[in-house]
Amino acid sequence: MRRRLVRALVRPLALAAAATALSAASTASVAADRVVIGGFPVDASQSPWTVALASRDRFGGTRSGQFCGGVVVGRTTVLTAAHCMDRAVLGGPPERVKDLKVITGRTDLLSDRGGQEIAVRSAWVNPAYDGASNNGDFAVLTLARPLPADSVIGMAAEGDPAYAAGGAATVYGWGDISGAGEYPSDLRAARVRVLPDALCEEAYPGGADGTYDARSMLCAGEPEGGRDACQGDSGGPLVAQGRLIGLVSWGIGCGRAGSPGVYMRVSDIMRTLGWK
């Protein structure tokens, strides 16, 4: 059975132990073109709505304590993955992580300088999130102080052409660039394509690996593998035509042929929350 690899980075607790297993399971499929998984470096100013979720108390000071990604959809509102707020990741409920912050405007997390670190005032985790199927994998963070208006990205509503299969999209994050625990310090982006729902339904029909639901999920990557999100990118943005269409959620491995990345469909998040 293939091992399900949900794309949360619990550093260093889970990945330190998982790196050996991942290298055997994943390296063969990604090593030939490893850098395209993490994509190419970008400056934070090019995607000011991409933020890092961080807790130095929980994850240490390396890379500013980053463990997941997020995206700014309102001056005090950040979307991320529900599994990033899981007790297994944070060691308890989000409200008990006293130094839970979002880092914005910082390209290089090793520098520990530049940008802003803003406290998370509250976290709402979708109560309908199902960790078995991966459905409903989103959470809403409210910040302690507002970000500039130009940090906010617009969201693609239902029926927006940005969701069309075959369209170009870009995923952003500070996650693994090899599938075997190799984390960059700088923000990266990877160009992917929105894939037909039928491809993901075939790849993830149900069972221990999760279930693809076209009503609430979105499939992106390349059918032959290669460009993809990976661990540590969870909760980060998938952008097409200048609008947010997905949140990094789950998949099997990183960059594997026949196992594309799965994202939460932003139009369904908007419907669930009653956002226009």
C-alpha atoms as a PDB file:
ATOM      1  CA  MET A   1       0.000   0.000   0.000  1.00  0.00           C
ATOM      2  CA  ARG A   2       1.234   3.456  -0.804  1.00  0.00           C
ATOM      3  CA  ARG A   3       1.841   5.645   2.168  1.00  0.00           C
ATOM      4  CA  ARG A   4      -0.398   8.660   2.468  1.00  0.00           C
ATOM      5  CA  LEU A   5       1.675  11.806   2.813  1.00  0.00           C
ATOM      6  CA  VAL A   6      -0.432  14.684   4.030  1.00  0.00           C
ATOM      7  CA  ARG A   7       1.421  17.868   3.301  1.00  0.00           C
ATOM      8  CA  ALA A   8       1.773  19.290   6.770  1.00  0.00           C
ATOM      9  CA  LEU A   9       5.271  19.832   8.053  1.00  0.00           C
ATOM     10  CA  VAL A  10       5.605  19.025  11.739  1.00  0.00           C
ATOM     11  CA  ARG A  11       9.227  20.089  12.116  1.00  0.00           C
ATOM     12  CA  PRO A  12      11.315  18.568  13.537  1.00  0.00           C
ATOM     13  CA  LEU A  13       9.093  15.974  15.235  1.00  0.00           C
ATOM     14  CA  ALA A  14       7.548  14.055  12.355  1.00  0.00           C
ATOM     15  CA  LEU A  15       9.915  14.798   9.501  1.00  0.00           C
ATOM     16  CA  ALA A  16      13.038  13.837  11.416  1.00  0.00           C
ATOM     17  CA  ALA A  17      11.620  10.348  11.852  1.00  0.00           C
ATOM     18  CA  ALA A  18       9.972  10.225   8.435  1.00  0.00           C
ATOM     19  CA  ALA A  19      12.940  11.333   6.334  1.00  0.00           C
ATOM     20  CA  THR A  20      14.451   7.857   6.097  1.00  0.00           C
ATOM     21  CA  ALA A  21      11.176   6.255   5.114  1.00  0.00           C
ATOM     22  CA  LEU A  22      10.419   9.044   2.658  1.00  0.00           C
ATOM     23  CA  SER A  23      13.782   8.744   0.957  1.00  0.00           C
ATOM     24  CA  ALA A  24      13.061   5.124   0.098  1.00  0.00           C
ATOM     25  CA  ALA A  25       9.462   5.755  -0.942  1.00  0.00           C
ATOM     26  CA  SER A  26       9.828   9.093  -2.683  1.00  0.00           C
ATOM     27  CA  THR A  27      13.376   9.764  -3.843  1.00  0.00           C
ATOM     28  CA  ALA A  28      13.216   7.507  -6.871  1.00  0.00           C
ATOM     29  CA  SER A  29      10.269   9.406  -8.273  1.00  0.00           C
ATOM     30  CA  VAL A  30      11.491  12.926  -7.555  1.00  0.00           C
ATOM     31  CA  ALA A  31      15.269  12.972  -7.540  1.00  0.00           C
ATOM     32  CA  ALA A  32      15.610  13.208 -11.305  1.00  0.00           C
ATOM     33  CA  ASP A  33      13.941  16.604 -11.303  1.00  0.00           C
ATOM     34  CA  ARG A  34      13.971  17.518  -7.656  1.00  0.00           C
ATOM     35  CA  VAL A  35      14.142  21.289  -7.856  1.00  0.00           C
ATOM     36  CA  VAL A  36      10.881  21.644  -9.752  1.00  0.00           C
ATOM     37  CA  ILE A  37       8.972  20.393  -6.719  1.00  0.00           C
ATOM     38  CA  GLY A  38       9.968  23.523  -4.824  1.00  0.00           C
ATOM     39  CA  GLY A  39       9.996  25.478  -8.064  1.00  0.00           C
ATOM     40  CA  PHE A  40      11.926  28.716  -8.299  1.00  0.00           C
ATOM     41  CA  PRO A  41      12.774  31.436  -5.766  1.00  0.00           C
ATOM     42  CA  VAL A  42      10.470  34.436  -5.561  1.00  0.00           C
ATOM     43  CA  ASP A  43      10.620  37.561  -3.463  1.00  0.00           C
ATOM     44  CA  ALA A  44       7.892  37.975  -0.868  1.00  0.00           C
ATOM     45  CA  SER A  45       6.984  41.305  -2.468  1.00  0.00           C
ATOM     46  CA  GLN A  46       5.822  39.384  -5.559  1.00  0.00           C
ATOM     47  CA  SER A  47       3.211  37.497  -3.529  1.00  0.00           C
ATOM     48  CA  PRO A  48       2.511  39.629  -0.430  1.00  0.00           C
ATOM     49  CA  TRP A  49      -0.547  37.519   0.357  1.00  0.00           C
ATOM     50  CA  THR A  50       1.606  34.408   0.980  1.00  0.00           C
ATOM     51  CA  VAL A  51       2.415  34.056   4.686  1.00  0.00           C
ATOM     52  CA  ALA A  52       4.286  31.570   6.858  1.00  0.00           C
ATOM     53  CA  LEU A  53       2.672  30.110   9.965  1.00  0.00           C
ATOM     54  CA  ALA A  54       5.196  29.972  12.774  1.00  0.00           C
ATOM     55  CA  SER A  55       5.763  29.044  16.408  1.00  0.00           C
ATOM     56  CA  ARG A  56       9.299  29.101  17.746  1.00  0.00           C
ATOM     57  CA  ASP A  57       8.145  27.586  21.032  1.00  0.00           C
ATOM     58  CA  ARG A  58       6.800  24.545  19.201  1.00  0.00           C
ATOM     59  CA  PHE A  59       9.135  24.223  16.198  1.00  0.00           C
ATOM     60  CA  GLY A  60      12.335  25.980  17.248  1.00  0.00           C
ATOM     61  CA  GLY A  61      14.019  29.078  15.886  1.00  0.00           C
ATOM     62  CA  THR A  62      15.280  27.595  12.626  1.00  0.00           C
ATOM     63  CA  ARG A  63      13.505  29.122   9.640  1.00  0.00           C
ATOM     64  CA  SER A  64      11.652  31.458  12.015  1.00  0.00           C
ATOM     65  CA  GLY A  65       9.649  28.528  13.433  1.00  0.00           C
ATOM     66  CA  GLN A  66       7.742  27.975  10.175  1.00  0.00           C
ATOM     67  CA  PHE A  67       5.559  24.869   9.922  1.00  0.00           C
ATOM     68  CA  CYS A  68       2.805  25.651   7.388  1.00  0.00           C
ATOM     69  CA  GLY A  69       1.681  28.300   4.938  1.00  0.00           C
ATOM     70  CA  GLY A  70      -1.324  30.568   4.694  1.00  0.00           C
ATOM     71  CA  VAL A  71      -2.872  33.201   2.463  1.00  0.00           C
ATOM     72  CA  VAL A  72      -4.205  36.665   3.290  1.00  0.00           C
ATOM     73  CA  VAL A  73      -7.809  37.087   2.118  1.00  0.00           C
ATOM     74  CA  GLY A  74      -8.702  40.059   4.328  1.00  0.00           C
ATOM     75  CA  ARG A  75      -6.639  42.637   6.186  1.00  0.00           C
ATOM     76  CA  THR A  76      -6.966  40.600   9.391  1.00  0.00           C
ATOM     77  CA  THR A  77      -8.001  37.267   7.848  1.00  0.00           C
ATOM     78  CA  VAL A  78      -5.763  34.374   6.797  1.00  0.00           C
ATOM     79  CA  LEU A  79      -6.867  31.051   5.332  1.00  0.00           C
ATOM     80  CA  THR A  80      -4.831  27.910   6.000  1.00  0.00           C
ATOM     81  CA  ALA A  81      -5.315  24.140   6.159  1.00  0.00           C
ATOM     82  CA  ALA A  82      -7.300  22.682   9.073  1.00  0.00           C
ATOM     83  CA  HIS A  83      -4.677  19.981   9.560  1.00  0.00           C
ATOM     84  CA  CYS A  84      -2.088  22.707  10.265  1.00  0.00           C
ATOM     85  CA  MET A  85      -4.121  23.534  13.384  1.00  0.00           C
ATOM     86  CA  ASP A  86      -4.399  19.903  14.495  1.00  0.00           C
ATOM     87  CA  ARG A  87      -3.461  19.019  18.081  1.00  0.00           C
ATOM     88  CA  ALA A  88      -0.912  16.525  16.754  1.00  0.00           C
ATOM     89  CA  VAL A  89       0.852  19.371  14.942  1.00  0.00           C
ATOM     90  CA  LEU A  90       0.597  22.089  17.583  1.00  0.00           C
ATOM     91  CA  GLY A  91       0.726  19.914  20.686  1.00  0.00           C
ATOM     92  CA  GLY A  92      -2.675  21.187  21.755  1.00  0.00           C
ATOM     93  CA  PRO A  93      -5.454  23.501  20.551  1.00  0.00           C
ATOM     94  CA  PRO A  94      -4.333  26.650  18.691  1.00  0.00           C
ATOM     95  CA  GLU A  95      -5.328  28.943  21.550  1.00  0.00           C
ATOM     96  CA  ARG A  96      -2.715  27.313  23.772  1.00  0.00           C
ATOM     97  CA  VAL A  97       0.134  28.119  21.372  1.00  0.00           C
ATOM     98  CA  LYS A  98       0.954  31.514  22.841  1.00  0.00           C
ATOM     99  CA  ASP A  99       3.462  32.497  20.145  1.00  0.00           C
ATOM    100  CA  LEU A 100       1.415  31.380  17.123  1.00  0.00           C
ATOM    101  CA  LYS A 101       2.100  33.994  14.440  1.00  0.00           C
ATOM    102  CA  VAL A 102       1.944  34.668  10.742  1.00  0.00           C
ATOM    103  CA  ILE A 103       5.075  36.027   9.076  1.00  0.00           C
ATOM    104  CA  THR A 104       4.463  38.323   6.161  1.00  0.00           C
ATOM    105  CA  GLY A 105       6.857  40.090   3.811  1.00  0.00           C
ATOM    106  CA  ARG A 106       9.846  37.899   4.735  1.00  0.00           C
ATOM    107  CA  THR A 107      11.422  36.043   1.805  1.00  0.00           C
ATOM    108  CA  ASP A 108      14.250  34.316   3.690  1.00  0.00           C
ATOM    109  CA  LEU A 109      13.093  32.667   6.913  1.00  0.00           C
ATOM    110  CA  LEU A 110      16.642  31.989   8.064  1.00  0.00           C
ATOM    111  CA  SER A 111      17.382  35.713   8.211  1.00  0.00           C
ATOM    112  CA  ASP A 112      14.816  36.206  10.983  1.00  0.00           C
ATOM    113  CA  ARG A 113      14.602  39.786   9.737  1.00  0.00           C
ATOM    114  CA  GLY A 114      12.362  41.804   7.465  1.00  0.00           C
ATOM    115  CA  GLY A 115       8.635  41.779   7.090  1.00  0.00           C
ATOM    116  CA  GLN A 116       6.279  41.506  10.037  1.00  0.00           C
ATOM    117  CA  GLU A 117       5.427  38.862  12.598  1.00  0.00           C
ATOM    118  CA  ILE A 118       1.814  39.251  13.633  1.00  0.00           C
ATOM    119  CA  ALA A 119       0.150  37.318  16.431  1.00  0.00           C
ATOM    120  CA  VAL A 120      -2.864  35.156  15.683  1.00  0.00           C
ATOM    121  CA  ARG A 121      -5.692  36.491  17.822  1.00  0.00           C
ATOM    122  CA  SER A 122      -8.022  33.548  17.158  1.00  0.00           C
ATOM    123  CA  ALA A 123      -8.273  30.428  15.037  1.00  0.00           C
ATOM    124  CA  TRP A 124     -11.492  28.915  13.696  1.00  0.00           C
ATOM    125  CA  VAL A 125     -11.045  25.351  12.436  1.00  0.00           C
ATOM    126  CA  ASN A 126     -13.741  23.943  10.172  1.00  0.00           C
ATOM    127  CA  PRO A 127     -15.740  21.621  12.460  1.00  0.00           C
ATOM    128  CA  ALA A 128     -16.655  19.502   9.431  1.00  0.00           C
ATOM    129  CA  TYR A 129     -13.021  18.693   8.649  1.00  0.00           C
ATOM    130  CA  ASP A 130     -12.614  14.946   8.188  1.00  0.00           C
ATOM    131  CA  GLY A 131      -9.047  13.734   8.629  1.00  0.00           C
ATOM    132  CA  ALA A 132      -9.851  10.365   7.034  1.00  0.00           C
ATOM    133  CA  SER A 133     -11.168  11.654   3.703  1.00  0.00           C
ATOM    134  CA  ASN A 134      -9.334  15.029   3.982  1.00  0.00           C
ATOM    135  CA  ASN A 135     -12.577  16.835   3.198  1.00  0.00           C
ATOM    136  CA  GLY A 136     -13.164  20.310   4.623  1.00  0.00           C
ATOM    137  CA  ASP A 137      -9.460  20.943   5.227  1.00  0.00           C
ATOM    138  CA  PHE A 138      -9.458  24.661   5.978  1.00  0.00           C
ATOM    139  CA  ALA A 139      -9.204  27.048   8.907  1.00  0.00           C
ATOM    140  CA  VAL A 140      -9.596  30.804   9.345  1.00  0.00           C
ATOM    141  CA  LEU A 141      -7.090  32.798  11.386  1.00  0.00           C
ATOM    142  CA  THR A 142      -7.833  36.281  12.698  1.00  0.00           C
ATOM    143  CA  LEU A 143      -4.797  38.511  13.162  1.00  0.00           C
ATOM    144  CA  ALA A 144      -4.120  40.815  16.084  1.00  0.00           C
ATOM    145  CA  ARG A 145      -3.535  43.775  13.775  1.00  0.00           C
ATOM    146  CA  PRO A 146      -4.355  44.546  10.135  1.00  0.00           C
ATOM    147  CA  LEU A 147      -2.101  44.110   7.147  1.00  0.00           C
ATOM    148  CA  PRO A 148      -1.921  46.631   4.294  1.00  0.00           C
ATOM    149  CA  ALA A 149      -4.718  46.389   1.748  1.00  0.00           C
ATOM    150  CA  ASP A 150      -2.278  45.382  -0.995  1.00  0.00           C
ATOM    151  CA  SER A 151      -1.446  42.216   0.968  1.00  0.00           C
ATOM    152  CA  VAL A 152      -4.922  40.827   0.271  1.00  0.00           C
ATOM    153  CA  ILE A 153      -5.586  38.543  -2.707  1.00  0.00           C
ATOM    154  CA  GLY A 154      -9.006  38.204  -4.317  1.00  0.00           C
ATOM    155  CA  MET A 155     -10.777  34.857  -4.215  1.00  0.00           C
ATOM    156  CA  ALA A 156     -12.246  33.117  -7.259  1.00  0.00           C
ATOM    157  CA  ALA A 157     -15.955  32.494  -6.820  1.00  0.00           C
ATOM    158  CA  GLU A 158     -17.866  29.515  -8.202  1.00  0.00           C
ATOM    159  CA  GLY A 159     -17.902  29.517 -11.997  1.00  0.00           C
ATOM    160  CA  ASP A 160     -14.759  31.620 -12.314  1.00  0.00           C
ATOM    161  CA  PRO A 161     -12.758  30.598 -15.434  1.00  0.00           C
ATOM    162  CA  ALA A 162      -9.629  30.378 -13.256  1.00  0.00           C
ATOM    163  CA  TYR A 163     -10.839  26.897 -12.233  1.00  0.00           C
ATOM    164  CA  ALA A 164     -10.911  25.549 -15.797  1.00  0.00           C
ATOM    165  CA  ALA A 165      -8.947  22.328 -16.346  1.00  0.00           C
ATOM    166  CA  GLY A 166      -5.772  22.893 -18.328  1.00  0.00           C
ATOM    167  CA  GLY A 167      -5.269  26.408 -17.032  1.00  0.00           C
ATOM    168  CA  ALA A 168      -1.943  27.596 -15.657  1.00  0.00           C
ATOM    169  CA  ALA A 169      -1.608  28.135 -11.906  1.00  0.00           C
ATOM    170  CA  THR A 170       1.149  28.817  -9.379  1.00  0.00           C
ATOM    171  CA  VAL A 171       1.627  27.405  -5.891  1.00  0.00           C
ATOM    172  CA  TYR A 172       3.744  29.200  -3.277  1.00  0.00           C
ATOM    173  CA  GLY A 173       5.505  28.071  -0.095  1.00  0.00           C
ATOM    174  CA  TRP A 174       8.600  27.322   1.958  1.00  0.00           C
ATOM    175  CA  GLY A 175       8.097  23.542   1.843  1.00  0.00           C
ATOM    176  CA  ASP A 176      10.225  20.530   0.965  1.00  0.00           C
ATOM    177  CA  ILE A 177      11.892  20.817  -2.461  1.00  0.00           C
ATOM    178  CA  SER A 178      12.872  17.155  -2.836  1.00  0.00           C
ATOM    179  CA  GLY A 179      10.216  15.055  -1.126  1.00  0.00           C
ATOM    180  CA  ALA A 180      12.878  13.820   1.297  1.00  0.00           C
ATOM    181  CA  GLY A 181      13.061  16.572   3.914  1.00  0.00           C
ATOM    182  CA  GLU A 182      15.070  19.270   2.130  1.00  0.00           C
ATOM    183  CA  TYR A 183      13.696  22.659   3.158  1.00  0.00           C
ATOM    184  CA  PRO A 184      14.764  25.959   1.606  1.00  0.00           C
ATOM    185  CA  SER A 185      15.062  29.136   3.606  1.00  0.00           C
ATOM    186  CA  ASP A 186      13.557  31.273   0.866  1.00  0.00           C
ATOM    187  CA  LEU A 187      10.053  31.466  -0.552  1.00  0.00           C
ATOM    188  CA  ARG A 188       9.501  29.446  -3.712  1.00  0.00           C
ATOM    189  CA  ALA A 189       6.850  29.037  -6.366  1.00  0.00           C
ATOM    190  CA  ALA A 190       6.050  26.231  -8.790  1.00  0.00           C
ATOM    191  CA  ARG A 191       4.049  26.487 -11.991  1.00  0.00           C
ATOM    192  CA  VAL A 192       1.424  23.771 -12.265  1.00  0.00           C
ATOM    193  CA  ARG A 193      -1.735  23.113 -14.255  1.00  0.00           C
ATOM    194  CA  VAL A 194      -5.290  22.706 -13.087  1.00  0.00           C
ATOM    195  CA  LEU A 195      -6.065  19.065 -13.883  1.00  0.00           C
ATOM    196  CA  PRO A 196      -9.370  17.395 -14.750  1.00  0.00           C
ATOM    197  CA  ASP A 197     -11.359  16.151 -11.787  1.00  0.00           C
ATOM    198  CA  ALA A 198     -11.542  12.710 -13.405  1.00  0.00           C
ATOM    199  CA  LEU A 199      -7.764  12.330 -13.057  1.00  0.00           C
ATOM    200  CA  CYS A 200      -7.860  12.944  -9.304  1.00  0.00           C
ATOM    201  CA  GLU A 201     -10.957  10.796  -8.844  1.00  0.00           C
ATOM    202  CA  GLU A 202      -9.028   7.932 -10.421  1.00  0.00           C
ATOM    203  CA  ALA A 203      -5.897   8.643  -8.337  1.00  0.00           C
ATOM    204  CA  TYR A 204      -7.777   8.980  -5.030  1.00  0.00           C
ATOM    205  CA  PRO A 205     -10.980   6.888  -5.223  1.00  0.00           C
ATOM    206  CA  GLY A 206     -11.195   6.426  -1.454  1.00  0.00           C
ATOM    207  CA  GLY A 207      -9.660   4.442   1.345  1.00  0.00           C
ATOM    208  CA  ALA A 208      -6.690   5.050   3.619  1.00  0.00           C
ATOM    209  CA  ASP A 209      -5.110   7.587   1.265  1.00  0.00           C
ATOM    210  CA  GLY A 210      -8.091   9.946   1.265  1.00  0.00           C
ATOM    211  CA  THR A 211     -10.992  10.564  -1.092  1.00  0.00           C
ATOM    212  CA  TYR A 212     -11.074  13.161  -3.855  1.00  0.00           C
ATOM    213  CA  ASP A 213     -14.317  15.158  -3.839  1.00  0.00           C
ATOM    214  CA  ALA A 214     -14.668  17.424  -6.886  1.00  0.00           C
ATOM    215  CA  ARG A 215     -17.266  19.562  -5.133  1.00  0.00           C
ATOM    216  CA  SER A 216     -14.828  20.761  -2.486  1.00  0.00           C
ATOM    217  CA  MET A 217     -11.387  19.908  -3.876  1.00  0.00           C
ATOM    218  CA  LEU A 218      -9.211  20.889  -6.803  1.00  0.00           C
ATOM    219  CA  CYS A 219      -6.544  18.866  -8.590  1.00  0.00           C
ATOM    220  CA  ALA A 220      -3.299  20.474  -9.836  1.00  0.00           C
ATOM    221  CA  GLY A 221       0.185  19.476 -10.940  1.00  0.00           C
ATOM    222  CA  GLU A 222       1.349  17.558 -13.999  1.00  0.00           C
ATOM    223  CA  PRO A 223      -0.019  14.115 -15.025  1.00  0.00           C
ATOM    224  CA  GLU A 224       3.535  12.836 -15.516  1.00  0.00           C
ATOM    225  CA  GLY A 225       4.639  14.180 -12.121  1.00  0.00           C
ATOM    226  CA  GLY A 226       7.337  16.743 -11.348  1.00  0.00           C
ATOM    227  CA  ARG A 227       5.945  20.123 -10.370  1.00  0.00           C
ATOM    228  CA  ASP A 228       4.016  19.917  -7.134  1.00  0.00           C
ATOM    229  CA  ALA A 229       3.597  21.207  -3.590  1.00  0.00           C
ATOM    230  CA  CYS A 230       5.137  19.207  -0.753  1.00  0.00           C
ATOM    231  CA  GLN A 231       5.410  19.014   3.058  1.00  0.00           C
ATOM    232  CA  GLY A 232       5.577  22.429   4.674  1.00  0.00           C
ATOM    233  CA  ASP A 233       3.497  24.025   1.905  1.00  0.00           C
ATOM    234  CA  SER A 234       0.186  23.049   3.529  1.00  0.00           C
ATOM    235  CA  GLY A 235      -2.320  25.871   3.739  1.00  0.00           C
ATOM    236  CA  GLY A 236      -0.457  27.922   1.143  1.00  0.00           C
ATOM    237  CA  PRO A 237      -2.029  29.488  -1.950  1.00  0.00           C
ATOM    238  CA  LEU A 238      -2.718  28.123  -5.410  1.00  0.00           C
ATOM    239  CA  VAL A 239      -3.253  31.129  -7.678  1.00  0.00           C
ATOM    240  CA  ALA A 240      -4.617  31.323 -11.233  1.00  0.00           C
ATOM    241  CA  GLN A 241      -5.354  34.409 -13.309  1.00  0.00           C
ATOM    242  CA  GLY A 242      -4.455  36.579 -10.325  1.00  0.00           C
ATOM    243  CA  ARG A 243      -7.035  34.998  -8.024  1.00  0.00           C
ATOM    244  CA  LEU A 244      -6.886  32.467  -5.218  1.00  0.00           C
ATOM    245  CA  ILE A 245      -8.377  29.131  -6.293  1.00  0.00           C
ATOM    246  CA  GLY A 246      -6.954  26.610  -3.816  1.00  0.00           C
ATOM    247  CA  LEU A 247      -5.206  25.855  -0.531  1.00  0.00           C
ATOM    248  CA  VAL A 248      -2.473  23.206  -0.412  1.00  0.00           C
ATOM    249  CA  SER A 249      -4.025  20.220   1.340  1.00  0.00           C
ATOM    250  CA  TRP A 250      -2.891  16.655   0.628  1.00  0.00           C
ATOM    251  CA  GLY A 251      -1.533  14.057  -1.765  1.00  0.00           C
ATOM    252  CA  ILE A 252       0.604  10.928  -1.942  1.00  0.00           C
ATOM    253  CA  GLY A 253       4.288  11.788  -1.974  1.00  0.00           C
ATOM    254  CA  CYS A 254       5.451  14.848  -3.894  1.00  0.00           C
ATOM    255  CA  GLY A 255       5.734  15.144  -7.656  1.00  0.00           C
ATOM    256  CA  ARG A 256       4.790  11.520  -8.348  1.00  0.00           C
ATOM    257  CA  ALA A 257       3.273  10.534 -11.673  1.00  0.00           C
ATOM    258  CA  GLY A 258      -0.379   9.647 -11.217  1.00  0.00           C
ATOM    259  CA  SER A 259      -0.577  11.255  -7.761  1.00  0.00           C
ATOM    260  CA  PRO A 260      -1.238  14.968  -8.300  1.00  0.00           C
ATOM    261  CA  GLY A 261      -1.592  17.496  -5.537  1.00  0.00           C
ATOM    262  CA  VAL A 262      -5.008  18.066  -4.010  1.00  0.00           C
ATOM    263  CA  TYR A 263      -6.141  21.524  -2.918  1.00  0.00           C
ATOM    264  CA  MET A 264      -9.198  22.805  -1.097  1.00  0.00           C
ATOM    265  CA  ARG A 265     -11.422  24.551  -3.636  1.00  0.00           C
ATOM    266  CA  VAL A 266     -11.723  28.183  -2.567  1.00  0.00           C
ATOM    267  CA  SER A 267     -15.191  28.622  -4.078  1.00  0.00           C
ATOM    268  CA  ASP A 268     -16.443  25.870  -1.759  1.00  0.00           C
ATOM    269  CA  ILE A 269     -14.744  27.511   1.230  1.00  0.00           C
ATOM    270  CA  MET A 270     -16.518  30.756   0.328  1.00  0.00           C
ATOM    271  CA  ARG A 271     -19.851  28.933   0.073  1.00  0.00           C
ATOM    272  CA  THR A 272     -19.328  27.209   3.420  1.00  0.00           C
ATOM    273  CA  LEU A 273     -18.449  30.462   5.177  1.00  0.00           C
ATOM    274  CA  GLY A 274     -21.129  32.510   3.427  1.00  0.00           C
ATOM    275  CA  TRP A 275     -18.525  34.799   1.835  1.00  0.00           C
ATOM    276  CA  LYS A 276     -19.347  36.623  -1.363  1.00  0.00           C
END
